[in-house]
């Protein structure tokens, strides 16, 4: 499968240049903190506090194991019954949810890609409005849903509290729940067809290896000639050795005429023919 990473080269500085070269020359991708991504609603969600068949058991375990030893609640089973009967479930799980989200923010690393090649929307948002590059990376199909995951787009982000209770109780399940949370976005982002690598370390470089490799880079149509020349001179030998294709988009785009223009052209042609015929007839009559 091919996935794509768009990079902005406008206002090229040492940091942007370094990020670009670390991908195309060193085969590494930066795993960022979730907070650094451009979706400001990444951690905004609604939480379903309706009691499930597992909620009481999970809450009882949590009260027993924790974390709540300094409260005045009675023993776990009685405490749970009291909480549920008095509709205090949301009150007790709110700090748990906040705690788990904070762990997510500070432990999970994300690298973002797309399934879309040379997409106008992605060029505009991530590719410097054409002054950037689109990097094509081949990954083995078996890595999908194991290392790389498609983002799930929903009308509204809603998660049941049980998943957060499970995460607080069992660290081995926490990562799966964190990943599920970070792989869910609202439909407003669906045009991006995003693929995410989600790891348990952040602000580290992830190596592109184990059958993954860069196969092509596409320079946007607005990359200045001097920038293009400078970058090309730095990468050409590496790309030739590794058989990586370089594509440069043309600034000119041939657009198909709209139906309105076609009608206008037709009217002009018909009117012109009519005038020519009329002039011809008047000329014959004058003779």
Protein backbone atom coordinates (compact mmCIF):
# COMPACT_ATOMS: atom_id res chain seq x y z
CA UNK A 1 0.00 0.00 0.00
CA UNK A 2 1.13 3.54 -0.72
CA UNK A 3 0.73 6.32 1.83
CA UNK A 4 1.64 10.00 1.52
CA UNK A 5 3.30 12.61 3.71
CA UNK A 6 2.92 16.27 2.72
CA UNK A 7 5.56 18.77 3.87
CA UNK A 8 5.55 22.56 3.66
CA UNK A 9 8.70 24.12 2.15
CA UNK A 10 7.53 27.74 2.20
CA UNK A 11 9.57 30.11 4.37
CA UNK A 12 12.18 27.34 4.38
CA UNK A 13 14.25 27.47 7.57
CA UNK A 14 16.72 25.07 9.16
CA UNK A 15 14.00 23.27 11.13
CA UNK A 16 11.77 22.65 8.10
CA UNK A 17 14.78 21.67 6.02
CA UNK A 18 15.94 19.26 8.72
CA UNK A 19 12.49 17.61 8.97
CA UNK A 20 12.39 17.14 5.19
CA UNK A 21 15.89 15.65 4.92
CA UNK A 22 15.39 13.36 7.92
CA UNK A 23 12.54 11.74 5.97
CA UNK A 24 13.99 11.53 2.46
CA UNK A 25 17.66 10.92 3.32
CA UNK A 26 17.58 9.27 6.76
CA UNK A 27 14.29 7.38 6.34
CA UNK A 28 12.87 8.58 9.65
CA UNK A 29 9.50 10.12 10.55
CA UNK A 30 8.91 12.26 13.63
CA UNK A 31 6.39 10.83 16.11
CA UNK A 32 4.76 13.94 17.52
CA UNK A 33 2.76 14.65 20.64
CA UNK A 34 -0.99 14.52 19.93
CA UNK A 35 -1.27 18.09 21.23
CA UNK A 36 0.96 19.33 18.40
CA UNK A 37 -1.46 18.20 15.66
CA UNK A 38 -3.62 20.71 13.80
CA UNK A 39 -6.98 19.35 15.06
CA UNK A 40 -7.64 21.42 18.17
CA UNK A 41 -10.54 19.10 19.02
CA UNK A 42 -8.29 16.02 19.14
CA UNK A 43 -9.15 15.44 22.82
CA UNK A 44 -12.66 16.87 22.75
CA UNK A 45 -15.32 14.20 23.08
CA UNK A 46 -18.59 13.32 24.76
CA UNK A 47 -18.65 10.51 27.30
CA UNK A 48 -21.45 8.01 27.69
CA UNK A 49 -22.06 7.58 31.42
CA UNK A 50 -24.95 5.15 31.07
CA UNK A 51 -24.31 2.10 33.20
CA UNK A 52 -23.38 -1.06 31.27
CA UNK A 53 -23.27 -4.65 32.53
CA UNK A 54 -19.56 -4.13 33.28
CA UNK A 55 -19.59 -0.66 34.82
CA UNK A 56 -20.36 -1.77 38.38
CA UNK A 57 -17.65 -4.44 38.39
CA UNK A 58 -15.02 -2.08 36.94
CA UNK A 59 -15.88 0.70 39.34
CA UNK A 60 -15.81 -1.69 42.30
CA UNK A 61 -12.32 -2.90 41.29
CA UNK A 62 -11.12 0.65 40.89
CA UNK A 63 -12.36 1.71 44.31
CA UNK A 64 -10.79 -1.36 45.86
CA UNK A 65 -7.41 -1.03 44.17
CA UNK A 66 -6.87 2.73 44.38
CA UNK A 67 -6.76 5.32 44.47
CA UNK A 68 -9.78 6.25 46.54
CA UNK A 69 -8.47 5.05 49.92
CA UNK A 70 -8.66 8.57 51.30
CA UNK A 71 -12.41 8.91 50.62
CA UNK A 72 -15.22 8.27 53.04
CA UNK A 73 -16.90 5.71 50.80
CA UNK A 74 -17.82 2.33 52.34
CA UNK A 75 -16.27 -1.00 51.12
CA UNK A 76 -16.04 -1.42 47.31
CA UNK A 77 -19.25 -3.34 46.59
CA UNK A 78 -21.34 -1.12 48.87
CA UNK A 79 -19.55 2.00 47.63
CA UNK A 80 -20.35 1.09 44.02
CA UNK A 81 -24.01 0.46 44.79
CA UNK A 82 -24.20 3.77 46.61
CA UNK A 83 -22.60 5.64 43.72
CA UNK A 84 -24.85 4.08 41.11
CA UNK A 85 -28.04 4.43 43.15
CA UNK A 86 -27.32 8.08 43.87
CA UNK A 87 -26.34 8.81 40.27
CA UNK A 88 -22.83 9.91 41.28
CA UNK A 89 -21.16 7.90 38.52
CA UNK A 90 -20.21 10.93 36.41
CA UNK A 91 -18.86 12.68 39.50
CA UNK A 92 -16.47 9.80 40.28
CA UNK A 93 -15.37 9.04 36.70
CA UNK A 94 -14.66 12.64 35.62
CA UNK A 95 -11.22 12.75 37.31
CA UNK A 96 -10.46 9.25 35.96
CA UNK A 97 -11.24 10.35 32.38
CA UNK A 98 -9.14 13.51 32.81
CA UNK A 99 -6.27 11.44 34.20
CA UNK A 100 -6.34 8.97 31.29
CA UNK A 101 -6.49 11.76 28.71
CA UNK A 102 -3.51 13.41 30.39
CA UNK A 103 -1.58 10.12 30.12
CA UNK A 104 -2.54 9.98 26.43
CA UNK A 105 -1.23 13.49 25.89
CA UNK A 106 2.10 12.69 27.55
CA UNK A 107 2.87 9.15 26.36
CA UNK A 108 1.47 8.53 22.86
CA UNK A 109 3.40 9.44 19.70
CA UNK A 110 1.67 9.95 16.34
CA UNK A 111 2.84 10.16 12.73
CA UNK A 112 0.18 11.22 10.22
CA UNK A 113 -0.15 10.27 6.55
CA UNK A 114 -2.86 10.13 3.89
CA UNK A 115 -4.09 7.64 1.31
CA UNK A 116 -4.37 10.50 -1.20
CA UNK A 117 -1.65 11.32 -3.71
CA UNK A 118 -1.34 14.82 -5.14
CA UNK A 119 -4.56 16.04 -3.50
CA UNK A 120 -5.38 19.77 -3.82
CA UNK A 121 -6.87 20.00 -0.33
CA UNK A 122 -3.82 18.38 1.29
CA UNK A 123 -1.45 20.55 -0.76
CA UNK A 124 -3.25 23.63 0.56
CA UNK A 125 -3.28 22.56 4.22
CA UNK A 126 0.01 20.69 4.65
CA UNK A 127 2.00 21.22 1.45
CA UNK A 128 2.58 24.97 1.59
CA UNK A 129 -0.20 25.66 -0.94
CA UNK A 130 1.97 24.03 -3.59
CA UNK A 131 5.28 25.24 -2.18
CA UNK A 132 6.09 21.88 -0.66
CA UNK A 133 6.47 18.17 -1.33
CA UNK A 134 4.34 15.05 -1.27
CA UNK A 135 6.39 12.02 -0.20
CA UNK A 136 5.18 8.61 -1.32
CA UNK A 137 5.96 5.72 1.04
CA UNK A 138 5.33 2.07 0.24
CA UNK A 139 4.31 -0.08 3.21
CA UNK A 140 3.49 -3.80 3.26
CA UNK A 141 -0.28 -4.44 3.25
CA UNK A 142 0.04 -6.59 6.37
CA UNK A 143 1.13 -3.53 8.36
CA UNK A 144 -2.34 -2.01 8.02
CA UNK A 145 -4.23 -2.40 11.33
CA UNK A 146 -1.02 -3.58 12.99
CA UNK A 147 1.31 -0.59 12.74
CA UNK A 148 -0.61 1.81 10.51
CA UNK A 149 -4.31 2.48 11.00
CA UNK A 150 -7.04 4.20 9.01
CA UNK A 151 -8.78 6.97 10.93
CA UNK A 152 -12.44 6.30 11.67
CA UNK A 153 -14.66 9.30 10.87
CA UNK A 154 -17.85 9.74 12.88
CA UNK A 155 -20.62 12.32 13.16
CA UNK A 156 -19.85 12.82 16.84
CA UNK A 157 -17.09 11.50 19.09
CA UNK A 158 -18.69 9.57 21.96
CA UNK A 159 -16.87 7.08 24.19
CA UNK A 160 -18.29 4.95 26.97
CA UNK A 161 -16.77 5.43 30.41
CA UNK A 162 -16.01 1.70 30.67
CA UNK A 163 -13.03 2.10 28.32
CA UNK A 164 -11.49 4.68 30.66
CA UNK A 165 -12.16 2.54 33.74
CA UNK A 166 -10.44 -0.38 31.95
CA UNK A 167 -7.45 1.81 31.07
CA UNK A 168 -7.09 2.98 34.67
CA UNK A 169 -7.21 -0.63 35.92
CA UNK A 170 -5.14 -2.45 33.32
CA UNK A 171 -2.10 -0.84 31.70
CA UNK A 172 -1.98 -3.61 29.08
CA UNK A 173 -5.39 -2.48 27.80
CA UNK A 174 -4.69 1.23 28.14
CA UNK A 175 -2.68 1.53 24.90
CA UNK A 176 -5.49 -0.09 22.82
CA UNK A 177 -8.04 2.31 24.30
CA UNK A 178 -5.77 5.30 23.73
CA UNK A 179 -5.23 4.22 20.13
CA UNK A 180 -8.97 3.83 19.55
CA UNK A 181 -9.56 7.32 20.92
CA UNK A 182 -6.88 8.88 18.70
CA UNK A 183 -8.08 7.02 15.61
CA UNK A 184 -11.53 8.57 15.87
CA UNK A 185 -12.20 11.98 14.29
CA UNK A 186 -15.28 13.87 13.21
CA UNK A 187 -16.50 13.75 9.60
CA UNK A 188 -15.28 17.30 8.94
CA UNK A 189 -11.81 15.74 8.50
CA UNK A 190 -12.92 12.84 6.31
CA UNK A 191 -11.61 14.37 3.05
CA UNK A 192 -8.06 13.81 4.30
CA UNK A 193 -8.42 9.97 4.34
CA UNK A 194 -5.83 9.89 7.08
CA UNK A 195 -3.57 6.99 8.03
CA UNK A 196 -1.91 7.12 11.45
CA UNK A 197 1.04 5.38 13.03
CA UNK A 198 0.46 5.37 16.79
CA UNK A 199 3.26 4.39 19.16
CA UNK A 200 3.87 4.37 22.89
CA UNK A 201 6.71 6.92 22.67
CA UNK A 202 6.55 10.54 21.57
CA UNK A 203 8.97 13.09 20.17
CA UNK A 204 11.15 10.32 18.73
CA UNK A 205 12.18 9.41 15.19
CA UNK A 206 10.48 6.34 13.71
CA UNK A 207 12.58 4.41 11.21
CA UNK A 208 11.05 3.68 7.80
CA UNK A 209 12.20 0.07 7.39
CA UNK A 210 11.01 -3.55 7.63
CA UNK A 211 9.76 -3.51 4.05
CA UNK A 212 8.70 0.16 4.10
CA UNK A 213 10.50 2.51 1.71
CA UNK A 214 10.19 5.88 -0.01
CA UNK A 215 9.34 5.42 -3.70
CA UNK A 216 8.69 8.95 -4.97
CA UNK A 217 8.68 12.61 -3.99
CA UNK A 218 6.49 15.13 -5.79
CA UNK A 219 7.49 18.79 -5.73
CA UNK A 220 4.52 21.16 -5.66
CA UNK A 221 3.86 23.52 -8.54
CA UNK A 222 4.85 26.61 -6.52
CA UNK A 223 8.28 25.50 -5.27
CA UNK A 224 10.69 28.30 -6.33
CA UNK A 225 13.34 27.22 -8.89
CA UNK A 226 16.24 28.09 -6.55
CA UNK A 227 14.74 26.02 -3.70
CA UNK A 228 14.09 23.16 -6.08
CA UNK A 229 17.64 23.31 -7.44
CA UNK A 230 19.18 23.42 -3.97
CA UNK A 231 17.15 20.47 -2.65
CA UNK A 232 17.65 18.42 -5.80
CA UNK A 233 21.42 18.81 -5.61
CA UNK A 234 21.34 17.47 -2.02
CA UNK A 235 19.18 14.43 -2.73
CA UNK A 236 19.91 13.37 -6.31
CA UNK A 237 22.72 10.90 -5.55
CA UNK A 238 20.76 9.23 -2.74
CA UNK A 239 17.67 9.02 -4.94
CA UNK A 240 19.56 7.53 -7.88
CA UNK A 241 21.13 4.85 -5.68
CA UNK A 242 17.79 3.98 -4.07
CA UNK A 243 15.70 4.26 -7.24
CA UNK A 244 13.45 6.99 -5.85
CA UNK A 245 11.46 8.89 -8.45
CA UNK A 246 11.37 12.71 -8.51
CA UNK A 247 8.30 14.40 -10.00
CA UNK A 248 7.83 18.14 -10.52
CA UNK A 249 4.32 19.47 -10.96
CA UNK A 250 3.79 22.05 -13.69
CA UNK A 251 2.48 25.48 -12.77
CA UNK A 252 0.00 25.27 -15.61
CA UNK A 253 -3.16 23.30 -15.20
CA UNK A 254 -5.36 22.53 -18.18
CA UNK A 255 -8.91 22.97 -17.00
CA UNK A 256 -11.91 21.69 -18.84
CA UNK A 257 -14.35 24.39 -19.93
CA UNK A 258 -17.47 24.55 -17.83
CA UNK A 259 -20.91 23.96 -19.36
CA UNK A 260 -21.59 27.71 -19.10
CA UNK A 261 -18.53 28.52 -21.19
CA UNK A 262 -19.47 25.89 -23.77
CA UNK A 263 -22.92 27.48 -24.17
CA UNK A 264 -21.34 30.94 -24.45
CA UNK A 265 -18.88 29.76 -27.12
CA UNK A 266 -21.72 28.10 -29.04
CA UNK A 267 -23.80 31.29 -28.96
CA UNK A 268 -20.86 33.36 -30.22
CA UNK A 269 -20.23 30.95 -33.09
CA UNK A 270 -23.91 30.77 -34.09
CA UNK A 271 -24.26 34.58 -33.92
CA UNK A 272 -21.13 35.03 -36.04
CA UNK A 273 -22.44 32.61 -38.68
CA UNK A 274 -25.79 34.37 -38.71
CA UNK A 275 -24.11 37.77 -39.27
CA UNK A 276 -21.96 36.36 -42.09
CA UNK A 277 -25.01 34.84 -43.82
CA UNK A 278 -26.98 38.05 -43.36
CA UNK A 279 -24.14 40.13 -44.86
CA UNK A 280 -23.95 37.68 -47.79
CA UNK A 281 -27.72 37.92 -48.46
CA UNK A 282 -27.71 41.73 -48.27
CA UNK A 283 -24.76 41.80 -50.67
CA UNK A 284 -26.62 39.62 -53.21
CA UNK A 285 -29.71 41.78 -52.93
CA UNK A 286 -27.65 44.90 -53.62
CA UNK A 287 -26.37 43.29 -56.83
